[in-house]
C-alpha atoms as a PDB file:
ATOM      1  CA  MET A   1     -51.320 -44.443 -39.805  1.00  0.00           C
ATOM      2  CA  PHE A   2     -50.389 -47.937 -38.649  1.00  0.00           C
ATOM      3  CA  SER A   3     -46.929 -48.967 -37.467  1.00  0.00           C
ATOM      4  CA  VAL A   4     -46.254 -52.653 -38.152  1.00  0.00           C
ATOM      5  CA  ILE A   5     -43.564 -53.877 -35.752  1.00  0.00           C
ATOM      6  CA  ILE A   6     -41.734 -57.121 -36.536  1.00  0.00           C
ATOM      7  CA  PRO A   7     -39.306 -58.395 -33.861  1.00  0.00           C
ATOM      8  CA  ASN A   8     -36.507 -60.354 -35.485  1.00  0.00           C
ATOM      9  CA  TRP A   9     -33.624 -62.497 -34.306  1.00  0.00           C
ATOM     10  CA  ASN A  10     -31.669 -64.451 -36.922  1.00  0.00           C
ATOM     11  CA  GLY A  11     -34.750 -64.621 -39.116  1.00  0.00           C
ATOM     12  CA  SER A  12     -33.284 -63.949 -42.552  1.00  0.00           C
ATOM     13  CA  ARG A  13     -34.813 -67.173 -43.899  1.00  0.00           C
ATOM     14  CA  LEU A  14     -38.256 -66.026 -42.690  1.00  0.00           C
ATOM     15  CA  LEU A  15     -38.295 -62.308 -43.410  1.00  0.00           C
ATOM     16  CA  PRO A  16     -38.824 -62.412 -47.208  1.00  0.00           C
ATOM     17  CA  THR A  17     -42.163 -64.237 -46.872  1.00  0.00           C
ATOM     18  CA  CYS A  18     -43.267 -61.874 -44.103  1.00  0.00           C
ATOM     19  CA  LEU A  19     -42.218 -58.632 -45.805  1.00  0.00           C
ATOM     20  CA  ILE A  20     -43.456 -59.546 -49.283  1.00  0.00           C
ATOM     21  CA  ALA A  21     -46.897 -60.187 -47.778  1.00  0.00           C
ATOM     22  CA  LEU A  22     -46.850 -56.650 -46.337  1.00  0.00           C
ATOM     23  CA  ARG A  23     -46.101 -55.246 -49.786  1.00  0.00           C
ATOM     24  CA  GLN A  24     -49.317 -56.868 -50.992  1.00  0.00           C
ATOM     25  CA  GLN A  25     -51.604 -55.290 -48.373  1.00  0.00           C
ATOM     26  CA  THR A  26     -54.677 -53.522 -49.726  1.00  0.00           C
ATOM     27  CA  PHE A  27     -54.478 -51.048 -46.810  1.00  0.00           C
ATOM     28  CA  ARG A  28     -51.476 -48.855 -47.562  1.00  0.00           C
ATOM     29  CA  ASP A  29     -51.269 -46.264 -44.762  1.00  0.00           C
ATOM     30  CA  PHE A  30     -48.611 -47.990 -42.689  1.00  0.00           C
ATOM     31  CA  GLU A  31     -44.921 -48.069 -41.925  1.00  0.00           C
ATOM     32  CA  THR A  32     -42.860 -51.208 -41.368  1.00  0.00           C
ATOM     33  CA  LEU A  33     -40.355 -51.427 -38.521  1.00  0.00           C
ATOM     34  CA  VAL A  34     -38.146 -54.475 -38.106  1.00  0.00           C
ATOM     35  CA  VAL A  35     -36.614 -54.532 -34.627  1.00  0.00           C
ATOM     36  CA  ASP A  36     -33.475 -56.591 -35.042  1.00  0.00           C
ATOM     37  CA  ASP A  37     -32.579 -58.189 -31.714  1.00  0.00           C
ATOM     38  CA  CYS A  38     -28.806 -58.353 -32.320  1.00  0.00           C
ATOM     39  CA  SER A  39     -28.989 -60.964 -35.092  1.00  0.00           C
ATOM     40  CA  THR A  40     -25.792 -62.736 -36.138  1.00  0.00           C
ATOM     41  CA  ASP A  41     -27.139 -63.770 -39.549  1.00  0.00           C
ATOM     42  CA  ASP A  42     -27.584 -61.493 -42.579  1.00  0.00           C
ATOM     43  CA  SER A  43     -31.015 -60.134 -41.573  1.00  0.00           C
ATOM     44  CA  ARG A  44     -29.975 -56.484 -41.657  1.00  0.00           C
ATOM     45  CA  GLU A  45     -28.149 -56.834 -44.966  1.00  0.00           C
ATOM     46  CA  LEU A  46     -31.163 -58.612 -46.470  1.00  0.00           C
ATOM     47  CA  ILE A  47     -33.532 -55.814 -45.457  1.00  0.00           C
ATOM     48  CA  ALA A  48     -31.209 -53.079 -46.704  1.00  0.00           C
ATOM     49  CA  ARG A  49     -30.764 -54.838 -50.042  1.00  0.00           C
ATOM     50  CA  ASP A  50     -34.265 -56.168 -50.782  1.00  0.00           C
ATOM     51  CA  PHE A  51     -36.732 -54.370 -48.493  1.00  0.00           C
ATOM     52  CA  SER A  52     -35.640 -50.756 -48.248  1.00  0.00           C
ATOM     53  CA  GLU A  53     -39.199 -49.701 -47.343  1.00  0.00           C
ATOM     54  CA  ALA A  54     -38.686 -51.279 -43.905  1.00  0.00           C
ATOM     55  CA  ARG A  55     -37.064 -49.238 -41.168  1.00  0.00           C
ATOM     56  CA  VAL A  56     -34.616 -51.236 -39.035  1.00  0.00           C
ATOM     57  CA  ILE A  57     -34.315 -50.628 -35.298  1.00  0.00           C
ATOM     58  CA  ALA A  58     -31.007 -52.324 -34.469  1.00  0.00           C
ATOM     59  CA  LEU A  59     -30.473 -53.440 -30.867  1.00  0.00           C
ATOM     60  CA  GLY A  60     -26.904 -53.786 -29.647  1.00  0.00           C
ATOM     61  CA  THR A  61     -27.598 -56.795 -27.421  1.00  0.00           C
ATOM     62  CA  ASN A  62     -30.076 -59.665 -27.608  1.00  0.00           C
ATOM     63  CA  ARG A  63     -32.874 -58.623 -25.264  1.00  0.00           C
ATOM     64  CA  GLY A  64     -35.860 -60.856 -26.079  1.00  0.00           C
ATOM     65  CA  PHE A  65     -39.364 -60.305 -27.405  1.00  0.00           C
ATOM     66  CA  ALA A  66     -40.813 -57.798 -24.943  1.00  0.00           C
ATOM     67  CA  PRO A  67     -37.869 -55.356 -24.947  1.00  0.00           C
ATOM     68  CA  ALA A  68     -37.625 -55.596 -28.745  1.00  0.00           C
ATOM     69  CA  VAL A  69     -41.295 -54.779 -29.237  1.00  0.00           C
ATOM     70  CA  ASN A  70     -41.116 -51.917 -26.743  1.00  0.00           C
ATOM     71  CA  ALA A  71     -38.183 -50.467 -28.685  1.00  0.00           C
ATOM     72  CA  GLY A  72     -40.322 -50.606 -31.803  1.00  0.00           C
ATOM     73  CA  ILE A  73     -43.248 -48.930 -30.035  1.00  0.00           C
ATOM     74  CA  ARG A  74     -40.993 -46.068 -28.914  1.00  0.00           C
ATOM     75  CA  ALA A  75     -39.796 -45.542 -32.488  1.00  0.00           C
ATOM     76  CA  ALA A  76     -43.235 -45.894 -34.097  1.00  0.00           C
ATOM     77  CA  ARG A  77     -44.989 -42.958 -35.745  1.00  0.00           C
ATOM     78  CA  GLY A  78     -48.442 -44.514 -36.097  1.00  0.00           C
ATOM     79  CA  GLU A  79     -51.606 -44.140 -34.046  1.00  0.00           C
ATOM     80  CA  VAL A  80     -52.076 -47.925 -34.177  1.00  0.00           C
ATOM     81  CA  ILE A  81     -49.322 -50.374 -33.213  1.00  0.00           C
ATOM     82  CA  VAL A  82     -49.562 -53.645 -35.145  1.00  0.00           C
ATOM     83  CA  LEU A  83     -47.450 -56.617 -34.050  1.00  0.00           C
ATOM     84  CA  LEU A  84     -46.400 -59.323 -36.459  1.00  0.00           C
ATOM     85  CA  ASN A  85     -44.089 -62.276 -35.926  1.00  0.00           C
ATOM     86  CA  ASN A  86     -41.358 -62.715 -38.504  1.00  0.00           C
ATOM     87  CA  ASP A  87     -42.465 -66.320 -39.116  1.00  0.00           C
ATOM     88  CA  THR A  88     -45.787 -65.316 -40.680  1.00  0.00           C
ATOM     89  CA  GLU A  89     -47.483 -64.529 -43.969  1.00  0.00           C
ATOM     90  CA  ALA A  90     -50.356 -62.062 -43.733  1.00  0.00           C
ATOM     91  CA  ASP A  91     -53.393 -62.245 -45.984  1.00  0.00           C
ATOM     92  CA  ALA A  92     -53.562 -59.274 -48.361  1.00  0.00           C
ATOM     93  CA  HIS A  93     -56.609 -57.864 -46.508  1.00  0.00           C
ATOM     94  CA  TRP A  94     -55.142 -58.314 -43.011  1.00  0.00           C
ATOM     95  CA  LEU A  95     -54.478 -54.637 -42.246  1.00  0.00           C
ATOM     96  CA  ALA A  96     -57.702 -53.522 -43.948  1.00  0.00           C
ATOM     97  CA  GLU A  97     -59.690 -55.839 -41.677  1.00  0.00           C
ATOM     98  CA  ILE A  98     -57.884 -54.489 -38.602  1.00  0.00           C
ATOM     99  CA  ALA A  99     -58.779 -50.952 -39.712  1.00  0.00           C
ATOM    100  CA  ARG A 100     -62.393 -52.045 -40.211  1.00  0.00           C
ATOM    101  CA  ALA A 101     -62.539 -53.552 -36.706  1.00  0.00           C
ATOM    102  CA  LEU A 102     -61.122 -50.415 -35.083  1.00  0.00           C
ATOM    103  CA  GLU A 103     -63.609 -48.205 -36.909  1.00  0.00           C
ATOM    104  CA  ALA A 104     -66.509 -50.447 -35.890  1.00  0.00           C
ATOM    105  CA  ASN A 105     -65.339 -50.613 -32.242  1.00  0.00           C
ATOM    106  CA  PRO A 106     -64.238 -47.118 -31.153  1.00  0.00           C
ATOM    107  CA  ASN A 107     -63.947 -48.225 -27.502  1.00  0.00           C
ATOM    108  CA  ALA A 108     -61.627 -51.106 -28.333  1.00  0.00           C
ATOM    109  CA  GLY A 109     -57.999 -50.733 -27.380  1.00  0.00           C
ATOM    110  CA  ILE A 110     -56.950 -54.013 -28.988  1.00  0.00           C
ATOM    111  CA  VAL A 111     -57.794 -56.031 -32.085  1.00  0.00           C
ATOM    112  CA  ALA A 112     -57.342 -59.803 -32.052  1.00  0.00           C
ATOM    113  CA  CYS A 113     -56.705 -61.469 -35.403  1.00  0.00           C
ATOM    114  CA  LYS A 114     -57.171 -65.018 -36.643  1.00  0.00           C
ATOM    115  CA  LEU A 115     -53.940 -67.004 -36.941  1.00  0.00           C
ATOM    116  CA  LYS A 116     -53.897 -70.143 -39.084  1.00  0.00           C
ATOM    117  CA  LEU A 117     -51.191 -72.737 -39.570  1.00  0.00           C
ATOM    118  CA  PHE A 118     -48.782 -71.885 -42.361  1.00  0.00           C
ATOM    119  CA  ASP A 119     -48.540 -75.447 -43.664  1.00  0.00           C
ATOM    120  CA  ARG A 120     -52.200 -76.417 -43.039  1.00  0.00           C
ATOM    121  CA  ARG A 121     -54.088 -73.315 -44.015  1.00  0.00           C
ATOM    122  CA  ASP A 122     -57.514 -74.638 -43.164  1.00  0.00           C
ATOM    123  CA  HIS A 123     -56.449 -75.207 -39.520  1.00  0.00           C
ATOM    124  CA  LEU A 124     -56.306 -72.693 -36.678  1.00  0.00           C
ATOM    125  CA  HIS A 125     -53.512 -71.666 -34.393  1.00  0.00           C
ATOM    126  CA  SER A 126     -55.422 -68.912 -32.554  1.00  0.00           C
ATOM    127  CA  ALA A 127     -58.857 -67.405 -33.097  1.00  0.00           C
ATOM    128  CA  GLY A 128     -58.157 -65.009 -30.262  1.00  0.00           C
ATOM    129  CA  ASP A 129     -56.857 -66.128 -26.886  1.00  0.00           C
ATOM    130  CA  PHE A 130     -58.902 -67.162 -23.857  1.00  0.00           C
ATOM    131  CA  PHE A 131     -58.156 -67.042 -20.140  1.00  0.00           C
ATOM    132  CA  ARG A 132     -59.776 -69.541 -17.787  1.00  0.00           C
ATOM    133  CA  VAL A 133     -60.891 -68.837 -14.234  1.00  0.00           C
ATOM    134  CA  ASP A 134     -58.281 -71.390 -13.076  1.00  0.00           C
ATOM    135  CA  GLY A 135     -55.481 -69.159 -14.356  1.00  0.00           C
ATOM    136  CA  ILE A 136     -54.664 -71.010 -17.576  1.00  0.00           C
ATOM    137  CA  PRO A 137     -54.532 -69.050 -20.865  1.00  0.00           C
ATOM    138  CA  GLY A 138     -54.729 -70.594 -24.297  1.00  0.00           C
ATOM    139  CA  ASN A 139     -55.525 -70.251 -27.989  1.00  0.00           C
ATOM    140  CA  ARG A 140     -59.149 -70.606 -29.104  1.00  0.00           C
ATOM    141  CA  GLY A 141     -59.512 -73.371 -31.662  1.00  0.00           C
ATOM    142  CA  VAL A 142     -55.861 -74.394 -31.676  1.00  0.00           C
ATOM    143  CA  TRP A 143     -55.172 -77.256 -34.148  1.00  0.00           C
ATOM    144  CA  GLU A 144     -58.866 -77.375 -35.192  1.00  0.00           C
ATOM    145  CA  ARG A 145     -60.052 -77.153 -38.804  1.00  0.00           C
ATOM    146  CA  ASP A 146     -61.466 -73.675 -39.387  1.00  0.00           C
ATOM    147  CA  GLU A 147     -65.110 -74.068 -40.321  1.00  0.00           C
ATOM    148  CA  GLY A 148     -66.239 -70.685 -39.047  1.00  0.00           C
ATOM    149  CA  GLN A 149     -66.947 -71.979 -35.540  1.00  0.00           C
ATOM    150  CA  TYR A 150     -64.768 -69.214 -34.042  1.00  0.00           C
ATOM    151  CA  ASP A 151     -65.921 -66.288 -36.152  1.00  0.00           C
ATOM    152  CA  ASP A 152     -67.548 -64.549 -33.197  1.00  0.00           C
ATOM    153  CA  ALA A 153     -65.911 -62.924 -30.180  1.00  0.00           C
ATOM    154  CA  ARG A 154     -67.329 -65.178 -27.457  1.00  0.00           C
ATOM    155  CA  GLY A 155     -64.515 -66.263 -25.163  1.00  0.00           C
ATOM    156  CA  VAL A 156     -61.897 -63.898 -26.620  1.00  0.00           C
ATOM    157  CA  PHE A 157     -59.970 -62.449 -23.684  1.00  0.00           C
ATOM    158  CA  GLY A 158     -57.343 -60.869 -25.931  1.00  0.00           C
ATOM    159  CA  PRO A 159     -55.087 -61.524 -28.904  1.00  0.00           C
ATOM    160  CA  CYS A 160     -52.099 -63.718 -29.485  1.00  0.00           C
ATOM    161  CA  GLY A 161     -49.100 -61.395 -29.730  1.00  0.00           C
ATOM    162  CA  GLY A 162     -48.012 -63.027 -32.985  1.00  0.00           C
ATOM    163  CA  ALA A 163     -50.442 -60.853 -34.960  1.00  0.00           C
ATOM    164  CA  CYS A 164     -52.593 -58.153 -33.357  1.00  0.00           C
ATOM    165  CA  ALA A 165     -53.105 -54.416 -33.042  1.00  0.00           C
ATOM    166  CA  TYR A 166     -53.112 -51.905 -30.179  1.00  0.00           C
ATOM    167  CA  ARG A 167     -54.209 -48.290 -30.094  1.00  0.00           C
ATOM    168  CA  LYS A 168     -51.177 -46.190 -29.220  1.00  0.00           C
ATOM    169  CA  THR A 169     -53.240 -44.079 -26.811  1.00  0.00           C
ATOM    170  CA  MET A 170     -54.020 -47.204 -24.781  1.00  0.00           C
ATOM    171  CA  LEU A 171     -50.371 -48.241 -24.625  1.00  0.00           C
ATOM    172  CA  ASP A 172     -49.420 -44.720 -23.565  1.00  0.00           C
ATOM    173  CA  GLU A 173     -51.796 -45.079 -20.622  1.00  0.00           C
ATOM    174  CA  ILE A 174     -51.266 -48.678 -19.425  1.00  0.00           C
ATOM    175  CA  GLY A 175     -47.700 -49.225 -20.649  1.00  0.00           C
ATOM    176  CA  GLY A 176     -46.178 -51.584 -23.181  1.00  0.00           C
ATOM    177  CA  PHE A 177     -44.992 -55.135 -22.675  1.00  0.00           C
ATOM    178  CA  ASP A 178     -43.643 -56.091 -19.260  1.00  0.00           C
ATOM    179  CA  GLU A 179     -39.968 -56.756 -19.934  1.00  0.00           C
ATOM    180  CA  ALA A 180     -39.519 -58.627 -16.660  1.00  0.00           C
ATOM    181  CA  LEU A 181     -41.593 -61.488 -18.088  1.00  0.00           C
ATOM    182  CA  GLY A 182     -39.080 -62.182 -20.849  1.00  0.00           C
ATOM    183  CA  SER A 183     -40.463 -63.788 -23.987  1.00  0.00           C
ATOM    184  CA  TYR A 184     -43.628 -65.689 -23.018  1.00  0.00           C
ATOM    185  CA  CYS A 185     -47.017 -64.595 -21.618  1.00  0.00           C
ATOM    186  CA  GLU A 186     -46.128 -60.924 -22.041  1.00  0.00           C
ATOM    187  CA  ASP A 187     -49.107 -60.663 -24.416  1.00  0.00           C
ATOM    188  CA  VAL A 188     -51.339 -62.306 -21.777  1.00  0.00           C
ATOM    189  CA  ASP A 189     -50.196 -59.750 -19.207  1.00  0.00           C
ATOM    190  CA  LEU A 190     -50.955 -56.879 -21.587  1.00  0.00           C
ATOM    191  CA  ASN A 191     -54.404 -58.344 -22.287  1.00  0.00           C
ATOM    192  CA  TRP A 192     -55.035 -58.348 -18.536  1.00  0.00           C
ATOM    193  CA  ARG A 193     -53.930 -54.760 -18.078  1.00  0.00           C
ATOM    194  CA  ALA A 194     -56.118 -53.601 -20.969  1.00  0.00           C
ATOM    195  CA  ARG A 195     -59.129 -55.465 -19.579  1.00  0.00           C
ATOM    196  CA  LEU A 196     -58.580 -54.159 -16.053  1.00  0.00           C
ATOM    197  CA  ALA A 197     -58.283 -50.599 -17.355  1.00  0.00           C
ATOM    198  CA  GLY A 198     -61.693 -50.996 -18.998  1.00  0.00           C
ATOM    199  CA  TYR A 199     -60.710 -51.236 -22.656  1.00  0.00           C
ATOM    200  CA  ALA A 200     -62.819 -53.382 -24.981  1.00  0.00           C
ATOM    201  CA  ILE A 201     -61.246 -56.087 -27.148  1.00  0.00           C
ATOM    202  CA  ALA A 202     -62.288 -56.327 -30.795  1.00  0.00           C
ATOM    203  CA  TYR A 203     -62.003 -59.552 -32.764  1.00  0.00           C
ATOM    204  CA  ALA A 204     -61.483 -59.500 -36.535  1.00  0.00           C
ATOM    205  CA  PRO A 205     -61.962 -63.040 -37.897  1.00  0.00           C
ATOM    206  CA  ARG A 206     -61.196 -61.946 -41.446  1.00  0.00           C
ATOM    207  CA  ALA A 207     -57.856 -60.430 -40.411  1.00  0.00           C
ATOM    208  CA  ILE A 208     -55.947 -63.613 -41.205  1.00  0.00           C
ATOM    209  CA  VAL A 209     -52.272 -64.422 -40.758  1.00  0.00           C
ATOM    210  CA  TYR A 210     -50.566 -67.746 -41.492  1.00  0.00           C
ATOM    211  CA  HIS A 211     -48.087 -68.734 -38.799  1.00  0.00           C
ATOM    212  CA  MET A 212     -45.083 -71.058 -38.927  1.00  0.00           C
ATOM    213  CA  VAL A 213     -45.622 -72.152 -35.323  1.00  0.00           C
ATOM    214  CA  SER A 214     -42.452 -72.138 -33.188  1.00  0.00           C
ATOM    215  CA  ALA A 215     -40.190 -71.407 -36.139  1.00  0.00           C
ATOM    216  CA  THR A 216     -38.297 -68.983 -33.873  1.00  0.00           C
ATOM    217  CA  GLY A 217     -38.944 -70.394 -30.413  1.00  0.00           C
ATOM    218  CA  GLY A 218     -40.079 -73.351 -28.325  1.00  0.00           C
ATOM    219  CA  GLY A 219     -38.216 -76.046 -26.407  1.00  0.00           C
ATOM    220  CA  ALA A 220     -37.129 -76.196 -22.801  1.00  0.00           C
ATOM    221  CA  LEU A 221     -36.550 -72.450 -22.483  1.00  0.00           C
ATOM    222  CA  SER A 222     -40.147 -71.689 -23.435  1.00  0.00           C
ATOM    223  CA  SER A 223     -41.376 -74.345 -20.978  1.00  0.00           C
ATOM    224  CA  PHE A 224     -39.475 -72.622 -18.169  1.00  0.00           C
ATOM    225  CA  PHE A 225     -40.877 -69.186 -18.991  1.00  0.00           C
ATOM    226  CA  VAL A 226     -44.429 -70.506 -19.357  1.00  0.00           C
ATOM    227  CA  GLY A 227     -44.234 -72.353 -16.027  1.00  0.00           C
ATOM    228  CA  ARG A 228     -42.960 -69.234 -14.291  1.00  0.00           C
ATOM    229  CA  ASN A 229     -44.982 -66.573 -16.057  1.00  0.00           C
ATOM    230  CA  PHE A 230     -48.380 -68.236 -15.634  1.00  0.00           C
ATOM    231  CA  ILE A 231     -47.867 -67.690 -11.895  1.00  0.00           C
ATOM    232  CA  TRP A 232     -46.458 -64.175 -12.157  1.00  0.00           C
ATOM    233  CA  VAL A 233     -49.229 -62.922 -14.453  1.00  0.00           C
ATOM    234  CA  LEU A 234     -51.827 -64.247 -12.008  1.00  0.00           C
ATOM    235  CA  ALA A 235     -50.091 -62.671  -9.023  1.00  0.00           C
ATOM    236  CA  LYS A 236     -49.870 -59.297 -10.729  1.00  0.00           C
ATOM    237  CA  ASN A 237     -53.310 -59.050 -12.333  1.00  0.00           C
ATOM    238  CA  TYR A 238     -55.952 -61.487 -11.074  1.00  0.00           C
ATOM    239  CA  PRO A 239     -58.592 -59.583  -9.029  1.00  0.00           C
ATOM    240  CA  ARG A 240     -58.665 -60.283  -5.305  1.00  0.00           C
ATOM    241  CA  ALA A 241     -62.382 -61.103  -5.276  1.00  0.00           C
ATOM    242  CA  LEU A 242     -61.884 -63.702  -8.004  1.00  0.00           C
ATOM    243  CA  TRP A 243     -58.935 -65.201  -6.113  1.00  0.00           C
ATOM    244  CA  LYS A 244     -61.276 -65.770  -3.178  1.00  0.00           C
ATOM    245  CA  LYS A 245     -63.830 -67.387  -5.450  1.00  0.00           C
ATOM    246  CA  TYR A 246     -61.584 -69.546  -7.632  1.00  0.00           C
ATOM    247  CA  TRP A 247     -58.419 -70.209  -5.604  1.00  0.00           C
ATOM    248  CA  ARG A 248     -59.139 -73.945  -5.400  1.00  0.00           C
ATOM    249  CA  LYS A 249     -59.351 -74.183  -9.186  1.00  0.00           C
ATOM    250  CA  ILE A 250     -56.163 -72.145  -9.586  1.00  0.00           C
ATOM    251  CA  ILE A 251     -54.178 -74.351  -7.190  1.00  0.00           C
ATOM    252  CA  ALA A 252     -55.607 -77.504  -8.787  1.00  0.00           C
ATOM    253  CA  ALA A 253     -54.548 -76.308 -12.250  1.00  0.00           C
ATOM    254  CA  GLN A 254     -51.000 -75.642 -11.071  1.00  0.00           C
ATOM    255  CA  LEU A 255     -50.835 -79.049  -9.393  1.00  0.00           C
ATOM    256  CA  ARG A 256     -51.959 -80.718 -12.627  1.00  0.00           C
ATOM    257  CA  ILE A 257     -49.070 -79.017 -14.404  1.00  0.00           C
ATOM    258  CA  THR A 258     -46.692 -80.193 -11.672  1.00  0.00           C
ATOM    259  CA  PHE A 259     -47.889 -83.806 -11.722  1.00  0.00           C
ATOM    260  CA  ASP A 260     -47.794 -83.929 -15.522  1.00  0.00           C
ATOM    261  CA  ALA A 261     -44.213 -82.657 -15.488  1.00  0.00           C
ATOM    262  CA  LEU A 262     -43.237 -85.193 -12.812  1.00  0.00           C
ATOM    263  CA  LYS A 263     -44.665 -88.012 -14.931  1.00  0.00           C
ATOM    264  CA  ASN A 264     -42.465 -86.862 -17.834  1.00  0.00           C
ATOM    265  CA  LEU A 265     -39.419 -85.911 -15.793  1.00  0.00           C
ATOM    266  CA  ARG A 266     -36.976 -87.502 -18.226  1.00  0.00           C
ATOM    267  CA  GLY A 267     -37.849 -84.828 -20.751  1.00  0.00           C
ATOM    268  CA  ALA A 268     -35.965 -81.543 -20.734  1.00  0.00           C
ATOM    269  CA  ALA A 269     -39.157 -79.534 -21.274  1.00  0.00           C
ATOM    270  CA  ALA A 270     -40.872 -81.147 -18.256  1.00  0.00           C
ATOM    271  CA  ARG A 271     -37.898 -80.422 -16.002  1.00  0.00           C
ATOM    272  CA  ALA A 272     -37.806 -76.854 -17.272  1.00  0.00           C
ATOM    273  CA  ARG A 273     -41.526 -76.426 -16.565  1.00  0.00           C
ATOM    274  CA  LEU A 274     -40.965 -77.529 -12.953  1.00  0.00           C
ATOM    275  CA  ARG A 275     -38.060 -75.108 -12.565  1.00  0.00           C
ATOM    276  CA  GLY A 276     -40.323 -72.408 -13.951  1.00  0.00           C
ATOM    277  CA  GLN A 277     -43.035 -73.137 -11.404  1.00  0.00           C
ATOM    278  CA  ILE A 278     -40.481 -73.011  -8.586  1.00  0.00           C
ATOM    279  CA  ALA A 279     -39.165 -69.677  -9.874  1.00  0.00           C
ATOM    280  CA  GLY A 280     -42.735 -68.428 -10.094  1.00  0.00           C
ATOM    281  CA  VAL A 281     -43.460 -69.277  -6.469  1.00  0.00           C
ATOM    282  CA  LEU A 282     -40.165 -67.800  -5.290  1.00  0.00           C
ATOM    283  CA  GLY A 283     -40.986 -64.524  -7.022  1.00  0.00           C
ATOM    284  CA  LEU A 284     -44.555 -64.288  -5.748  1.00  0.00           C
ATOM    285  CA  SER A 285     -43.993 -61.547  -3.182  1.00  0.00           C
ATOM    286  CA  ARG A 286     -42.383 -59.241  -5.736  1.00  0.00           C
ATOM    287  CA  TRP A 287     -45.166 -59.751  -8.263  1.00  0.00           C
ATOM    288  CA  LEU A 288     -47.939 -59.396  -5.710  1.00  0.00           C
ATOM    289  CA  ALA A 289     -46.420 -56.032  -4.783  1.00  0.00           C
ATOM    290  CA  ARG A 290     -46.700 -54.961  -8.427  1.00  0.00           C
ATOM    291  CA  ARG A 291     -50.498 -55.110  -8.256  1.00  0.00           C
ATOM    292  CA  ASN A 292     -50.357 -51.455  -7.201  1.00  0.00           C
ATOM    293  CA  GLU A 293     -49.108 -50.547 -10.690  1.00  0.00           C
ATOM    294  CA  ILE A 294     -52.309 -51.697 -12.407  1.00  0.00           C
ATOM    295  CA  ILE A 295     -55.043 -49.288 -13.532  1.00  0.00           C
ATOM    296  CA  ARG A 296     -58.319 -50.873 -12.412  1.00  0.00           C
ATOM    297  CA  ARG A 297     -61.491 -49.355 -13.828  1.00  0.00           C
ATOM    298  CA  ALA A 298     -63.322 -52.547 -14.796  1.00  0.00           C
ATOM    299  CA  SER A 299     -65.522 -54.199 -12.191  1.00  0.00           C
ATOM    300  CA  ASP A 300     -64.837 -57.710 -10.927  1.00  0.00           C
ATOM    301  CA  ALA A 301     -68.055 -58.828 -12.633  1.00  0.00           C
ATOM    302  CA  GLU A 302     -66.886 -57.464 -15.984  1.00  0.00           C
ATOM    303  CA  ILE A 303     -63.586 -59.314 -15.655  1.00  0.00           C
ATOM    304  CA  GLU A 304     -65.275 -62.526 -14.566  1.00  0.00           C
ATOM    305  CA  ASN A 305     -67.593 -62.373 -17.571  1.00  0.00           C
ATOM    306  CA  ALA A 306     -64.558 -62.217 -19.855  1.00  0.00           C
ATOM    307  CA  LEU A 307     -63.073 -65.423 -18.392  1.00  0.00           C
ATOM    308  CA  VAL A 308     -63.857 -68.967 -19.473  1.00  0.00           C
ATOM    309  CA  LYS A 309     -65.479 -70.966 -16.682  1.00  0.00           C
END
């Protein structure tokens, strides 16, 4: 059985589209859990009235994405944990294609899906996520017209957390989302931990979800977390041998971010990105110490081969 976990905060205007699409799935062996992150709108009333098939996990305080998802994982009954943003509409065959990918890849701990733009359905948001040797993650094919150019798994380091699947046995071993990261890059960190533990990543290009990008996030707060968490994820996960090999590229990438923010300092997002970088550097010692938490079965060569040069 699959457990589809939808984190929600004040998303009553978004939930009907998301939940109706789940009703239309051709794969039916799943439960739906909406983790309500202390919404102040009528999200809970809406679900109780119109979507009684969904189980609500109600949090008493607003805790952010990672803690909300972890609460859903703890309550889930399925062998496969499927994440879905509330600002999405899944294709009717989405879950069936995830099931197909897991069956075809028994060593895979994760399935990456293909996310397209909700309002431009022939354009991509993420055809799986990449991670560069200079420490910068990103979405494959973002903003490009989908012409099948990303229908293979080359360059897929892991999934975007907006729509993906994880085997529960893998999460039981390596842990769920790192709540100390807050609400950005927590999926990147989990991709790293899965890779380092030796799990394969499957990519299902026909598992399609349409995403209303940044309908529930964005702005200066996200810029702060991204600026900080890029550094913390590197400090926690990046193999020592690869640090020695690519440290110049890593520092250069961070300096490019700094200089770009300085050029746009009048903007709130640029100032927030700089504050995030400063916070990242100040927290380095704590996050370097956390390297001891990581299960490392994959070789440095295997990790390097998964990175984009």
